[in-house]
Amino acid sequence: MLLLISLAFVGLCAGQGNFHDQYAKTFEQAVDTNKNKVADLSEFQALFDQYDLNKDGQVPVAEYLQATGGVGKGPAAFFALLDPNNDGVIHKSELPAVLSKFDVNGNGKVSEEEFIKHYGDLYNKVLAMQISIGK
């Protein structure tokens, strides 16, 4: 999930493609692995496991950047916005909090539209951060 999200983020920063379509593609290919139009905690956990390279139950920002090939301030800022307690590490135990950031209606699942909305909000925040601090 984080790899495709990062790739979508990099592509959008380069000005490629329709944002809504890119977010939908990311959701369909990386998040909604069982193709039922919603993502639940088990899907977030399975995706987290792909980025926990050393299998220690946590993904620090450096491991995230290594797993995704992300470089620069954008991917690190994106990670920081997902990190529930801003300690530079997403622990497996924090996945419910990560899911809840996307779960607009609070039903414990993330629909494609919820994902698209929140992903767009995150992208805009990262873009604003880059503009305010310089690239």
N, C-alpha and C. Protein backbone atom coordinates (compact mmCIF):
# COMPACT_ATOMS: atom_id res chain seq x y z
N MET A 1 0.83 -1.18 0.00
CA MET A 1 0.00 0.00 0.00
C MET A 1 0.87 1.24 0.00
N LEU A 2 1.83 1.29 0.90
CA LEU A 2 2.64 2.49 0.99
C LEU A 2 3.43 2.72 -0.28
N LEU A 3 3.88 1.65 -0.95
CA LEU A 3 4.61 1.81 -2.20
C LEU A 3 3.72 2.44 -3.26
N LEU A 4 2.54 1.90 -3.45
CA LEU A 4 1.66 2.47 -4.46
C LEU A 4 1.21 3.87 -4.08
N ILE A 5 0.98 4.09 -2.81
CA ILE A 5 0.62 5.42 -2.37
C ILE A 5 1.77 6.38 -2.65
N SER A 6 2.99 5.95 -2.38
CA SER A 6 4.14 6.80 -2.66
C SER A 6 4.29 7.05 -4.14
N LEU A 7 4.12 6.01 -4.95
CA LEU A 7 4.23 6.19 -6.40
C LEU A 7 3.16 7.14 -6.91
N ALA A 8 1.96 7.00 -6.40
CA ALA A 8 0.89 7.93 -6.80
C ALA A 8 1.24 9.34 -6.37
N PHE A 9 1.78 9.47 -5.15
CA PHE A 9 2.16 10.78 -4.64
C PHE A 9 3.24 11.41 -5.53
N VAL A 10 4.26 10.64 -5.88
CA VAL A 10 5.34 11.15 -6.73
C VAL A 10 4.79 11.55 -8.09
N GLY A 11 3.94 10.72 -8.67
CA GLY A 11 3.35 11.05 -9.97
C GLY A 11 2.52 12.31 -9.91
N LEU A 12 1.79 12.49 -8.84
CA LEU A 12 0.95 13.68 -8.71
C LEU A 12 1.80 14.92 -8.50
N CYS A 13 2.89 14.78 -7.75
CA CYS A 13 3.78 15.92 -7.57
C CYS A 13 4.39 16.34 -8.89
N ALA A 14 4.59 15.38 -9.78
CA ALA A 14 5.15 15.69 -11.09
C ALA A 14 4.07 16.22 -12.03
N GLY A 15 2.83 16.28 -11.55
CA GLY A 15 1.75 16.84 -12.35
C GLY A 15 1.15 15.87 -13.34
N GLN A 16 1.26 14.59 -13.09
CA GLN A 16 0.74 13.59 -14.02
C GLN A 16 -0.64 13.11 -13.58
N GLY A 17 -1.56 13.05 -14.53
CA GLY A 17 -2.83 12.37 -14.32
C GLY A 17 -3.86 13.13 -13.51
N ASN A 18 -5.04 12.58 -13.52
CA ASN A 18 -6.17 13.09 -12.78
C ASN A 18 -6.07 12.60 -11.35
N PHE A 19 -6.14 13.53 -10.38
CA PHE A 19 -5.97 13.15 -8.99
C PHE A 19 -6.99 12.11 -8.55
N HIS A 20 -8.24 12.34 -8.80
CA HIS A 20 -9.28 11.41 -8.37
C HIS A 20 -9.02 10.02 -8.95
N ASP A 21 -8.69 9.95 -10.23
CA ASP A 21 -8.43 8.66 -10.86
C ASP A 21 -7.19 7.98 -10.28
N GLN A 22 -6.16 8.76 -9.98
CA GLN A 22 -4.95 8.19 -9.38
C GLN A 22 -5.24 7.65 -7.98
N TYR A 23 -5.99 8.40 -7.20
CA TYR A 23 -6.33 7.93 -5.85
C TYR A 23 -7.18 6.66 -5.92
N ALA A 24 -8.13 6.62 -6.86
CA ALA A 24 -8.98 5.44 -7.03
C ALA A 24 -8.14 4.23 -7.43
N LYS A 25 -7.21 4.44 -8.33
CA LYS A 25 -6.33 3.35 -8.78
C LYS A 25 -5.49 2.83 -7.61
N THR A 26 -4.97 3.74 -6.81
CA THR A 26 -4.19 3.33 -5.64
C THR A 26 -5.05 2.50 -4.70
N PHE A 27 -6.28 2.95 -4.45
CA PHE A 27 -7.17 2.20 -3.56
C PHE A 27 -7.45 0.81 -4.13
N GLU A 28 -7.80 0.75 -5.39
CA GLU A 28 -8.17 -0.52 -6.02
C GLU A 28 -7.00 -1.49 -6.10
N GLN A 29 -5.80 -1.01 -6.37
CA GLN A 29 -4.66 -1.90 -6.55
C GLN A 29 -3.93 -2.24 -5.27
N ALA A 30 -3.89 -1.31 -4.33
CA ALA A 30 -3.06 -1.52 -3.16
C ALA A 30 -3.81 -1.70 -1.85
N VAL A 31 -4.96 -1.08 -1.73
CA VAL A 31 -5.64 -1.07 -0.44
C VAL A 31 -6.74 -2.12 -0.39
N ASP A 32 -7.64 -2.10 -1.34
CA ASP A 32 -8.80 -3.01 -1.36
C ASP A 32 -8.39 -4.33 -2.00
N THR A 33 -7.62 -5.11 -1.28
CA THR A 33 -7.05 -6.33 -1.86
C THR A 33 -8.08 -7.42 -2.13
N ASN A 34 -9.20 -7.41 -1.43
CA ASN A 34 -10.23 -8.42 -1.70
C ASN A 34 -11.31 -7.92 -2.66
N LYS A 35 -11.12 -6.71 -3.18
CA LYS A 35 -11.97 -6.13 -4.23
C LYS A 35 -13.45 -6.04 -3.86
N ASN A 36 -13.74 -5.71 -2.60
CA ASN A 36 -15.13 -5.57 -2.18
C ASN A 36 -15.54 -4.11 -1.98
N LYS A 37 -14.71 -3.19 -2.48
CA LYS A 37 -14.97 -1.74 -2.45
C LYS A 37 -14.81 -1.09 -1.09
N VAL A 38 -14.33 -1.84 -0.10
CA VAL A 38 -13.99 -1.28 1.21
C VAL A 38 -12.72 -1.95 1.72
N ALA A 39 -11.99 -1.23 2.54
CA ALA A 39 -10.80 -1.80 3.17
C ALA A 39 -11.03 -1.82 4.67
N ASP A 40 -10.67 -2.93 5.27
CA ASP A 40 -10.82 -3.06 6.72
C ASP A 40 -9.45 -3.19 7.37
N LEU A 41 -9.44 -3.38 8.67
CA LEU A 41 -8.19 -3.43 9.41
C LEU A 41 -7.29 -4.56 8.92
N SER A 42 -7.85 -5.70 8.58
CA SER A 42 -7.01 -6.81 8.12
C SER A 42 -6.27 -6.46 6.83
N GLU A 43 -6.90 -5.67 5.96
CA GLU A 43 -6.22 -5.25 4.74
C GLU A 43 -5.12 -4.23 5.05
N PHE A 44 -5.38 -3.34 6.00
CA PHE A 44 -4.34 -2.40 6.41
C PHE A 44 -3.17 -3.16 7.05
N GLN A 45 -3.47 -4.21 7.85
CA GLN A 45 -2.42 -4.98 8.49
C GLN A 45 -1.59 -5.75 7.46
N ALA A 46 -2.23 -6.34 6.47
CA ALA A 46 -1.51 -7.08 5.43
C ALA A 46 -0.58 -6.15 4.65
N LEU A 47 -1.06 -4.96 4.38
CA LEU A 47 -0.23 -4.00 3.66
C LEU A 47 0.91 -3.48 4.53
N PHE A 48 0.64 -3.27 5.79
CA PHE A 48 1.69 -2.86 6.73
C PHE A 48 2.81 -3.89 6.74
N ASP A 49 2.44 -5.17 6.76
CA ASP A 49 3.43 -6.25 6.81
C ASP A 49 4.37 -6.21 5.61
N GLN A 50 3.90 -5.72 4.47
CA GLN A 50 4.75 -5.62 3.29
C GLN A 50 5.85 -4.58 3.48
N TYR A 51 5.61 -3.60 4.31
CA TYR A 51 6.57 -2.52 4.51
C TYR A 51 7.37 -2.63 5.79
N ASP A 52 7.02 -3.61 6.59
CA ASP A 52 7.81 -3.90 7.79
C ASP A 52 8.94 -4.82 7.36
N LEU A 53 9.97 -4.25 6.78
CA LEU A 53 11.03 -5.01 6.13
C LEU A 53 11.75 -5.96 7.07
N ASN A 54 11.98 -5.55 8.30
CA ASN A 54 12.68 -6.44 9.23
C ASN A 54 11.73 -7.20 10.15
N LYS A 55 10.45 -7.08 9.90
CA LYS A 55 9.40 -7.85 10.60
C LYS A 55 9.44 -7.69 12.11
N ASP A 56 9.67 -6.44 12.56
CA ASP A 56 9.70 -6.19 13.99
C ASP A 56 8.44 -5.51 14.52
N GLY A 57 7.41 -5.42 13.66
CA GLY A 57 6.14 -4.84 14.10
C GLY A 57 6.08 -3.33 14.06
N GLN A 58 7.05 -2.73 13.40
CA GLN A 58 7.04 -1.28 13.28
C GLN A 58 7.69 -0.86 11.97
N VAL A 59 7.26 0.29 11.48
CA VAL A 59 7.84 0.84 10.26
C VAL A 59 8.28 2.27 10.57
N PRO A 60 9.58 2.46 10.82
CA PRO A 60 10.08 3.82 10.98
C PRO A 60 10.14 4.52 9.63
N VAL A 61 10.23 5.82 9.65
CA VAL A 61 10.23 6.58 8.40
C VAL A 61 11.35 6.11 7.47
N ALA A 62 12.52 5.79 7.99
CA ALA A 62 13.62 5.33 7.14
C ALA A 62 13.28 4.01 6.44
N GLU A 63 12.61 3.11 7.15
CA GLU A 63 12.21 1.84 6.56
C GLU A 63 11.12 2.06 5.50
N TYR A 64 10.23 3.00 5.77
CA TYR A 64 9.20 3.36 4.81
C TYR A 64 9.83 3.89 3.53
N LEU A 65 10.78 4.80 3.68
CA LEU A 65 11.44 5.36 2.50
C LEU A 65 12.21 4.28 1.74
N GLN A 66 12.84 3.37 2.45
CA GLN A 66 13.56 2.26 1.81
C GLN A 66 12.59 1.35 1.06
N ALA A 67 11.49 1.01 1.69
CA ALA A 67 10.52 0.10 1.07
C ALA A 67 9.85 0.70 -0.15
N THR A 68 9.64 2.00 -0.12
CA THR A 68 8.92 2.66 -1.21
C THR A 68 9.83 3.29 -2.24
N GLY A 69 11.09 3.42 -1.91
CA GLY A 69 11.99 4.13 -2.81
C GLY A 69 11.78 5.63 -2.76
N GLY A 70 11.07 6.08 -1.73
CA GLY A 70 10.76 7.51 -1.59
C GLY A 70 12.00 8.31 -1.23
N VAL A 71 12.12 9.48 -1.82
CA VAL A 71 13.20 10.39 -1.50
C VAL A 71 12.63 11.80 -1.38
N GLY A 72 13.32 12.62 -0.67
CA GLY A 72 12.90 14.01 -0.56
C GLY A 72 11.95 14.24 0.60
N LYS A 73 11.51 15.49 0.67
CA LYS A 73 10.66 15.91 1.78
C LYS A 73 9.22 15.42 1.64
N GLY A 74 8.73 15.26 0.43
CA GLY A 74 7.33 14.88 0.22
C GLY A 74 6.95 13.55 0.84
N PRO A 75 7.64 12.45 0.48
CA PRO A 75 7.28 11.16 1.08
C PRO A 75 7.44 11.14 2.60
N ALA A 76 8.48 11.79 3.13
CA ALA A 76 8.67 11.83 4.57
C ALA A 76 7.55 12.63 5.25
N ALA A 77 7.12 13.72 4.61
CA ALA A 77 6.02 14.52 5.16
C ALA A 77 4.72 13.73 5.12
N PHE A 78 4.51 12.98 4.03
CA PHE A 78 3.32 12.14 3.91
C PHE A 78 3.29 11.11 5.04
N PHE A 79 4.43 10.46 5.27
CA PHE A 79 4.55 9.49 6.36
C PHE A 79 4.22 10.15 7.69
N ALA A 80 4.75 11.34 7.91
CA ALA A 80 4.52 12.04 9.18
C ALA A 80 3.03 12.30 9.41
N LEU A 81 2.30 12.59 8.34
CA LEU A 81 0.86 12.82 8.49
C LEU A 81 0.10 11.54 8.82
N LEU A 82 0.65 10.39 8.44
CA LEU A 82 0.01 9.12 8.77
C LEU A 82 0.38 8.61 10.16
N ASP A 83 1.51 9.04 10.68
CA ASP A 83 2.04 8.58 11.96
C ASP A 83 1.16 9.11 13.10
N PRO A 84 0.41 8.23 13.76
CA PRO A 84 -0.57 8.68 14.76
C PRO A 84 0.00 9.52 15.90
N ASN A 85 1.19 9.20 16.38
CA ASN A 85 1.73 9.96 17.51
C ASN A 85 2.97 10.77 17.14
N ASN A 86 3.24 10.88 15.86
CA ASN A 86 4.33 11.73 15.37
C ASN A 86 5.69 11.39 15.96
N ASP A 87 5.94 10.10 16.20
CA ASP A 87 7.25 9.72 16.75
C ASP A 87 8.20 9.19 15.68
N GLY A 88 7.79 9.26 14.40
CA GLY A 88 8.65 8.79 13.32
C GLY A 88 8.57 7.30 13.07
N VAL A 89 7.65 6.64 13.75
CA VAL A 89 7.48 5.19 13.61
C VAL A 89 5.99 4.87 13.61
N ILE A 90 5.55 4.05 12.67
CA ILE A 90 4.18 3.53 12.73
C ILE A 90 4.29 2.11 13.24
N HIS A 91 3.73 1.88 14.42
CA HIS A 91 3.73 0.56 15.05
C HIS A 91 2.48 -0.19 14.58
N LYS A 92 2.59 -1.50 14.49
CA LYS A 92 1.44 -2.30 14.07
C LYS A 92 0.23 -2.02 14.96
N SER A 93 0.49 -1.78 16.23
CA SER A 93 -0.61 -1.50 17.17
C SER A 93 -1.30 -0.17 16.86
N GLU A 94 -0.68 0.69 16.04
CA GLU A 94 -1.26 1.97 15.69
C GLU A 94 -2.12 1.92 14.43
N LEU A 95 -2.19 0.75 13.79
CA LEU A 95 -2.96 0.65 12.55
C LEU A 95 -4.42 1.03 12.70
N PRO A 96 -5.09 0.70 13.81
CA PRO A 96 -6.47 1.19 13.93
C PRO A 96 -6.55 2.72 13.86
N ALA A 97 -5.57 3.41 14.40
CA ALA A 97 -5.56 4.88 14.34
C ALA A 97 -5.31 5.36 12.91
N VAL A 98 -4.45 4.65 12.18
CA VAL A 98 -4.20 5.01 10.78
C VAL A 98 -5.49 4.81 9.98
N LEU A 99 -6.14 3.66 10.18
CA LEU A 99 -7.40 3.39 9.48
C LEU A 99 -8.43 4.45 9.82
N SER A 100 -8.50 4.85 11.07
CA SER A 100 -9.52 5.81 11.47
C SER A 100 -9.33 7.18 10.81
N LYS A 101 -8.10 7.49 10.41
CA LYS A 101 -7.86 8.74 9.69
C LYS A 101 -8.57 8.75 8.34
N PHE A 102 -8.73 7.57 7.75
CA PHE A 102 -9.41 7.45 6.46
C PHE A 102 -10.89 7.16 6.62
N ASP A 103 -11.29 6.62 7.75
CA ASP A 103 -12.66 6.17 8.00
C ASP A 103 -13.55 7.35 8.42
N VAL A 104 -14.03 8.09 7.44
CA VAL A 104 -14.79 9.31 7.69
C VAL A 104 -16.07 9.05 8.47
N ASN A 105 -16.80 7.98 8.15
CA ASN A 105 -18.09 7.75 8.81
C ASN A 105 -17.98 6.90 10.08
N GLY A 106 -16.78 6.46 10.43
CA GLY A 106 -16.56 5.76 11.69
C GLY A 106 -17.11 4.35 11.77
N ASN A 107 -17.30 3.69 10.62
CA ASN A 107 -17.84 2.32 10.65
C ASN A 107 -16.77 1.24 10.71
N GLY A 108 -15.51 1.62 10.84
CA GLY A 108 -14.43 0.64 10.94
C GLY A 108 -13.91 0.15 9.61
N LYS A 109 -14.42 0.71 8.54
CA LYS A 109 -13.99 0.33 7.19
C LYS A 109 -13.77 1.61 6.39
N VAL A 110 -12.94 1.49 5.35
CA VAL A 110 -12.64 2.63 4.50
C VAL A 110 -13.16 2.36 3.11
N SER A 111 -14.14 3.14 2.71
CA SER A 111 -14.66 3.01 1.34
C SER A 111 -13.70 3.69 0.38
N GLU A 112 -13.88 3.41 -0.89
CA GLU A 112 -13.05 4.05 -1.90
C GLU A 112 -13.20 5.57 -1.84
N GLU A 113 -14.41 6.05 -1.69
CA GLU A 113 -14.62 7.51 -1.63
C GLU A 113 -13.98 8.12 -0.38
N GLU A 114 -14.07 7.42 0.76
CA GLU A 114 -13.40 7.92 1.96
C GLU A 114 -11.89 8.00 1.74
N PHE A 115 -11.35 6.95 1.12
CA PHE A 115 -9.92 6.94 0.84
C PHE A 115 -9.53 8.10 -0.07
N ILE A 116 -10.28 8.28 -1.14
CA ILE A 116 -9.98 9.34 -2.10
C ILE A 116 -10.02 10.70 -1.41
N LYS A 117 -11.03 10.93 -0.59
CA LYS A 117 -11.14 12.23 0.10
C LYS A 117 -9.96 12.46 1.03
N HIS A 118 -9.67 11.48 1.88
CA HIS A 118 -8.59 11.68 2.84
C HIS A 118 -7.23 11.73 2.16
N TYR A 119 -7.02 10.90 1.16
CA TYR A 119 -5.75 10.92 0.45
C TYR A 119 -5.55 12.29 -0.20
N GLY A 120 -6.59 12.83 -0.78
CA GLY A 120 -6.50 14.17 -1.37
C GLY A 120 -6.17 15.22 -0.32
N ASP A 121 -6.78 15.11 0.85
CA ASP A 121 -6.48 16.04 1.93
C ASP A 121 -5.02 15.94 2.35
N LEU A 122 -4.51 14.70 2.48
CA LEU A 122 -3.10 14.50 2.84
C LEU A 122 -2.18 15.08 1.78
N TYR A 123 -2.49 14.79 0.52
CA TYR A 123 -1.67 15.30 -0.58
C TYR A 123 -1.62 16.83 -0.55
N ASN A 124 -2.76 17.46 -0.35
CA ASN A 124 -2.80 18.92 -0.31
C ASN A 124 -2.00 19.47 0.87
N LYS A 125 -2.05 18.79 2.01
CA LYS A 125 -1.27 19.23 3.17
C LYS A 125 0.23 19.13 2.88
N VAL A 126 0.64 18.02 2.29
CA VAL A 126 2.06 17.84 1.97
C VAL A 126 2.50 18.88 0.94
N LEU A 127 1.68 19.10 -0.04
CA LEU A 127 2.00 20.11 -1.06
C LEU A 127 2.13 21.49 -0.43
N ALA A 128 1.23 21.83 0.47
CA ALA A 128 1.29 23.13 1.16
C ALA A 128 2.54 23.22 2.02
N MET A 129 2.91 22.12 2.67
CA MET A 129 4.13 22.11 3.49
C MET A 129 5.35 22.34 2.62
N GLN A 130 5.40 21.72 1.47
CA GLN A 130 6.55 21.88 0.58
C GLN A 130 6.63 23.31 0.06
N ILE A 131 5.50 23.89 -0.23
CA ILE A 131 5.49 25.27 -0.74
C ILE A 131 5.93 26.23 0.36
N SER A 132 5.47 25.99 1.59
CA SER A 132 5.78 26.91 2.68
C SER A 132 7.24 26.81 3.14
N ILE A 133 7.85 25.62 3.01
CA ILE A 133 9.23 25.48 3.46
C ILE A 133 10.22 25.50 2.31
N GLY A 134 9.71 25.52 1.10
CA GLY A 134 10.60 25.49 -0.07
C GLY A 134 10.92 24.08 -0.45
N LYS A 135 11.21 23.88 -1.71
CA LYS A 135 11.48 22.52 -2.19
C LYS A 135 12.94 22.19 -2.12
